[in-house]
N, C-alpha and C. Protein backbone atom coordinates (compact mmCIF):
# COMPACT_ATOMS: atom_id res chain seq x y z
N MET A 1 98.01 77.16 127.84
CA MET A 1 98.43 77.74 126.90
C MET A 1 98.07 76.98 125.29
N THR A 2 97.49 77.91 124.57
CA THR A 2 96.91 77.42 122.90
C THR A 2 98.08 77.23 122.33
N THR A 3 97.61 76.20 121.75
CA THR A 3 98.98 75.60 120.55
C THR A 3 98.33 76.16 119.09
N ARG A 4 99.28 76.49 118.49
CA ARG A 4 98.76 76.92 116.99
C ARG A 4 98.88 75.85 116.10
N PRO A 5 97.97 75.46 114.78
CA PRO A 5 98.33 74.20 114.21
C PRO A 5 99.61 74.38 113.50
N ALA A 6 100.21 73.19 113.34
CA ALA A 6 101.27 73.15 112.26
C ALA A 6 101.18 73.83 111.04
N GLN A 7 102.09 74.59 110.62
CA GLN A 7 102.21 75.15 109.42
C GLN A 7 102.42 74.00 108.44
N PRO A 8 101.68 74.13 107.03
CA PRO A 8 102.05 73.27 106.04
C PRO A 8 103.61 73.19 105.57
N ALA A 9 104.05 72.13 105.45
CA ALA A 9 105.72 71.99 105.02
C ALA A 9 105.92 72.64 103.85
N ALA A 10 104.95 72.66 102.99
CA ALA A 10 105.12 73.37 101.13
C ALA A 10 103.99 73.84 100.72
N ARG A 11 103.74 75.00 100.62
CA ARG A 11 102.54 75.49 99.90
C ARG A 11 102.65 75.60 98.37
N ARG A 12 101.94 75.06 97.60
CA ARG A 12 101.90 75.08 96.07
C ARG A 12 101.42 76.87 96.04
N PRO A 13 102.23 77.46 95.12
CA PRO A 13 101.95 78.82 94.98
C PRO A 13 100.90 78.92 93.88
N PHE A 14 100.31 80.18 94.16
CA PHE A 14 99.08 80.35 92.82
C PHE A 14 99.85 80.31 91.56
N ALA A 15 98.93 79.72 90.50
CA ALA A 15 99.31 79.46 89.39
C ALA A 15 98.42 80.78 88.44
N GLU A 16 98.74 81.05 87.43
CA GLU A 16 97.91 81.83 86.83
C GLU A 16 96.46 81.16 86.41
N LYS A 17 96.61 79.78 86.09
CA LYS A 17 95.05 79.05 86.07
C LYS A 17 94.39 79.09 87.26
N ASP A 18 94.86 79.58 88.56
CA ASP A 18 94.25 79.47 89.89
C ASP A 18 93.49 80.94 90.01
N CYS A 19 93.71 81.86 88.80
CA CYS A 19 93.25 83.01 89.06
C CYS A 19 92.05 83.24 88.20
N GLY A 20 90.98 84.09 88.67
CA GLY A 20 89.90 84.45 88.35
C GLY A 20 89.91 85.77 87.46
N ASP A 21 88.88 86.30 87.41
CA ASP A 21 88.83 87.56 86.95
C ASP A 21 88.64 88.60 87.79
N VAL A 22 89.03 89.93 87.44
CA VAL A 22 88.97 91.19 88.37
C VAL A 22 87.48 91.34 88.56
N PRO A 23 86.91 91.50 89.76
CA PRO A 23 85.43 91.67 90.01
C PRO A 23 85.37 93.18 89.71
N PRO A 24 83.77 93.60 89.31
CA PRO A 24 83.71 94.80 88.79
C PRO A 24 83.52 95.86 90.41
N PRO A 25 83.70 96.93 90.29
CA PRO A 25 83.66 97.73 91.17
C PRO A 25 82.40 97.40 92.22
N GLY A 26 82.97 97.58 93.43
CA GLY A 26 81.71 97.02 94.55
C GLY A 26 81.57 95.68 94.82
N ALA A 27 81.78 94.80 93.83
CA ALA A 27 81.98 93.34 94.02
C ALA A 27 82.77 92.54 95.03
N LEU A 28 82.38 91.39 95.53
CA LEU A 28 83.49 90.93 96.41
C LEU A 28 84.53 89.92 95.66
N LEU A 29 85.22 89.89 96.57
CA LEU A 29 86.30 88.95 95.83
C LEU A 29 86.30 87.61 96.31
N VAL A 30 86.28 86.56 95.61
CA VAL A 30 86.13 85.06 96.12
C VAL A 30 87.76 84.69 96.08
N TRP A 31 87.80 84.34 97.58
CA TRP A 31 89.04 84.02 97.90
C TRP A 31 88.85 82.77 98.88
N ARG A 32 88.57 81.62 98.56
CA ARG A 32 88.32 80.74 99.26
C ARG A 32 89.09 79.68 99.35
N ASP A 33 90.01 79.50 98.71
CA ASP A 33 91.41 78.85 98.59
C ASP A 33 92.26 79.25 99.72
N GLY A 34 92.67 78.13 100.62
CA GLY A 34 93.36 77.93 101.62
C GLY A 34 94.84 78.80 101.34
N ARG A 35 95.32 78.83 100.16
CA ARG A 35 96.51 79.41 99.93
C ARG A 35 96.49 80.83 100.57
N HIS A 36 95.37 81.65 100.43
CA HIS A 36 95.28 83.12 100.76
C HIS A 36 95.60 83.04 102.06
N TYR A 37 95.46 81.95 103.00
CA TYR A 37 95.81 82.25 104.68
C TYR A 37 97.49 82.06 104.89
N LEU A 38 97.92 83.20 105.57
CA LEU A 38 99.40 83.11 106.18
C LEU A 38 99.02 82.51 107.28
N HIS A 39 100.12 81.82 107.60
CA HIS A 39 100.19 81.06 108.97
C HIS A 39 101.48 81.57 109.73
N ASP A 40 101.37 83.01 110.23
CA ASP A 40 102.50 83.60 110.75
C ASP A 40 101.59 84.72 111.52
N ASP A 41 102.81 85.55 112.02
CA ASP A 41 101.91 86.71 113.14
C ASP A 41 101.30 87.80 112.20
N GLY A 42 101.25 87.77 110.99
CA GLY A 42 100.75 88.89 110.08
C GLY A 42 101.70 89.95 109.58
N ALA A 43 101.82 89.86 108.47
CA ALA A 43 102.61 90.50 107.96
C ALA A 43 101.62 92.17 107.54
N PRO A 44 102.54 93.01 107.40
CA PRO A 44 101.64 94.43 107.26
C PRO A 44 100.91 94.48 105.92
N CYS A 45 99.89 94.68 106.07
CA CYS A 45 98.80 95.12 104.79
C CYS A 45 99.54 96.07 103.97
N VAL A 46 99.66 95.71 102.63
CA VAL A 46 100.15 96.58 101.97
C VAL A 46 99.21 97.94 101.70
N LEU A 47 98.12 97.77 101.75
CA LEU A 47 97.32 99.05 101.82
C LEU A 47 97.07 99.99 103.12
N CYS A 48 96.85 99.04 104.21
CA CYS A 48 96.51 99.98 105.54
C CYS A 48 97.62 99.89 106.59
N ARG A 49 98.57 98.93 106.17
CA ARG A 49 99.85 98.76 107.12
C ARG A 49 99.45 97.99 108.34
N LYS A 50 98.38 97.57 108.58
CA LYS A 50 97.87 96.86 109.99
C LYS A 50 97.93 95.30 109.52
N PRO A 51 98.30 94.32 110.59
CA PRO A 51 98.88 92.92 110.61
C PRO A 51 97.81 92.38 109.73
N ALA A 52 98.26 91.80 108.56
CA ALA A 52 97.11 90.99 107.74
C ALA A 52 97.49 89.52 107.67
N HIS A 53 96.52 88.51 107.72
CA HIS A 53 96.70 87.05 107.87
C HIS A 53 96.18 86.54 106.44
N LEU A 54 96.05 87.36 105.44
CA LEU A 54 95.30 86.70 104.02
C LEU A 54 96.81 87.44 103.10
N HIS A 55 96.99 86.96 101.83
CA HIS A 55 97.78 87.15 100.93
C HIS A 55 97.19 87.02 99.60
N SER A 56 97.42 88.04 98.68
CA SER A 56 96.76 88.17 97.26
C SER A 56 97.62 86.77 96.42
N HIS A 57 96.80 86.86 95.11
CA HIS A 57 97.51 85.92 94.44
C HIS A 57 99.20 86.18 94.12
N ALA A 58 99.15 87.51 94.24
CA ALA A 58 100.78 88.02 93.96
C ALA A 58 101.54 87.85 95.05
N GLY A 59 100.89 87.39 95.80
CA GLY A 59 101.70 87.28 97.38
C GLY A 59 101.84 88.56 98.20
N GLU A 60 101.01 89.66 97.92
CA GLU A 60 101.13 90.64 98.77
C GLU A 60 100.09 90.41 100.18
N PRO A 61 100.69 90.55 101.50
CA PRO A 61 99.83 90.72 102.28
C PRO A 61 98.81 91.83 102.34
N VAL A 62 97.55 91.48 102.41
CA VAL A 62 96.54 92.59 102.42
C VAL A 62 95.33 91.70 103.12
N HIS A 63 94.19 92.71 103.58
CA HIS A 63 93.04 92.00 104.25
C HIS A 63 92.30 92.23 102.72
N LYS A 64 91.22 91.30 102.82
CA LYS A 64 90.18 91.21 101.85
C LYS A 64 89.42 92.59 101.72
N ILE A 65 89.17 92.94 102.76
CA ILE A 65 88.20 94.09 102.58
C ILE A 65 89.06 95.37 102.11
N CYS A 66 90.18 95.39 102.53
CA CYS A 66 91.03 96.64 101.88
C CYS A 66 91.16 96.14 100.25
N ALA A 67 91.48 94.97 99.84
CA ALA A 67 91.80 94.70 98.36
C ALA A 67 90.15 95.14 97.79
N GLU A 68 89.10 94.66 98.23
CA GLU A 68 87.81 95.27 97.66
C GLU A 68 87.69 96.66 97.67
N THR A 69 87.88 97.47 98.92
CA THR A 69 87.95 98.64 98.68
C THR A 69 88.93 99.62 97.49
N TRP A 70 89.97 99.21 97.71
CA TRP A 70 91.08 99.33 96.61
C TRP A 70 90.39 99.44 95.13
N LEU A 71 89.83 98.06 95.06
CA LEU A 71 89.27 97.70 93.58
C LEU A 71 88.19 98.60 93.30
N THR A 72 87.34 99.13 93.86
CA THR A 72 86.31 100.09 93.77
C THR A 72 86.69 101.58 93.71
N ALA A 73 87.94 101.92 94.63
CA ALA A 73 88.29 103.17 94.44
C ALA A 73 89.16 103.28 93.05
N HIS A 74 89.66 102.27 92.59
CA HIS A 74 90.86 102.30 91.34
C HIS A 74 90.26 101.43 90.39
N PRO A 75 89.16 101.82 89.51
CA PRO A 75 88.91 100.80 88.55
C PRO A 75 89.41 100.51 87.63
N ALA A 76 90.18 101.52 87.12
CA ALA A 76 91.27 101.55 85.77
C ALA A 76 92.35 100.60 86.43
N GLU A 77 92.92 100.99 86.95
CA GLU A 77 94.17 100.33 87.68
C GLU A 77 93.75 98.66 87.97
N ALA A 78 92.63 98.71 88.48
CA ALA A 78 92.06 97.36 88.72
C ALA A 78 92.15 96.30 87.58
N LEU A 79 91.75 96.89 86.49
CA LEU A 79 92.08 95.94 85.34
C LEU A 79 93.20 95.16 84.93
N ARG A 80 94.36 95.77 85.68
CA ARG A 80 95.80 95.21 85.57
C ARG A 80 96.01 93.93 86.50
N GLY A 81 94.92 93.62 87.25
CA GLY A 81 95.00 92.57 87.77
C GLY A 81 95.66 92.38 88.96
N ARG A 82 95.83 93.50 89.83
CA ARG A 82 96.66 93.34 91.38
C ARG A 82 95.65 92.35 92.14
N PHE A 83 94.47 92.62 92.07
CA PHE A 83 93.81 91.57 92.89
C PHE A 83 92.53 90.93 92.06
N VAL A 84 92.57 89.75 92.12
CA VAL A 84 91.65 88.80 91.28
C VAL A 84 90.96 87.73 92.26
N SER A 85 89.90 87.16 92.04
CA SER A 85 88.98 86.48 92.59
C SER A 85 89.79 84.84 92.22
N ASP A 86 89.42 83.96 92.77
CA ASP A 86 89.74 82.47 92.76
C ASP A 86 89.38 82.28 91.44
N ALA A 87 89.89 81.45 90.56
CA ALA A 87 89.19 80.65 89.41
C ALA A 87 88.12 79.75 89.81
C-alpha cells in the first residue's frame, strides 16, 4: 500500500504580490510555486471538468494546459487576469 505525503497544515494563500503578468497568447504560464498544487483527489477543472491537481492564483482548480489554451483562445478576456504567471 502506498502512503501519500502529509498535507501541509496551513498553506499561505496567494497574495497580489505573488502574481505576475498575463502571458501573451500562445505563451506558457509560469506556475513553479508549490501553492498551485492541490493535495486532494482532484477537484474538477473549471474548463474541462476532468480531475485537476493544480489551482490558479484565484483558487480555481484547473490544468495548466487548459489555462494556457484558454488564454490563447480568449486574449481580450485574458487581460482581466483570470490566469496569471507567478511573480
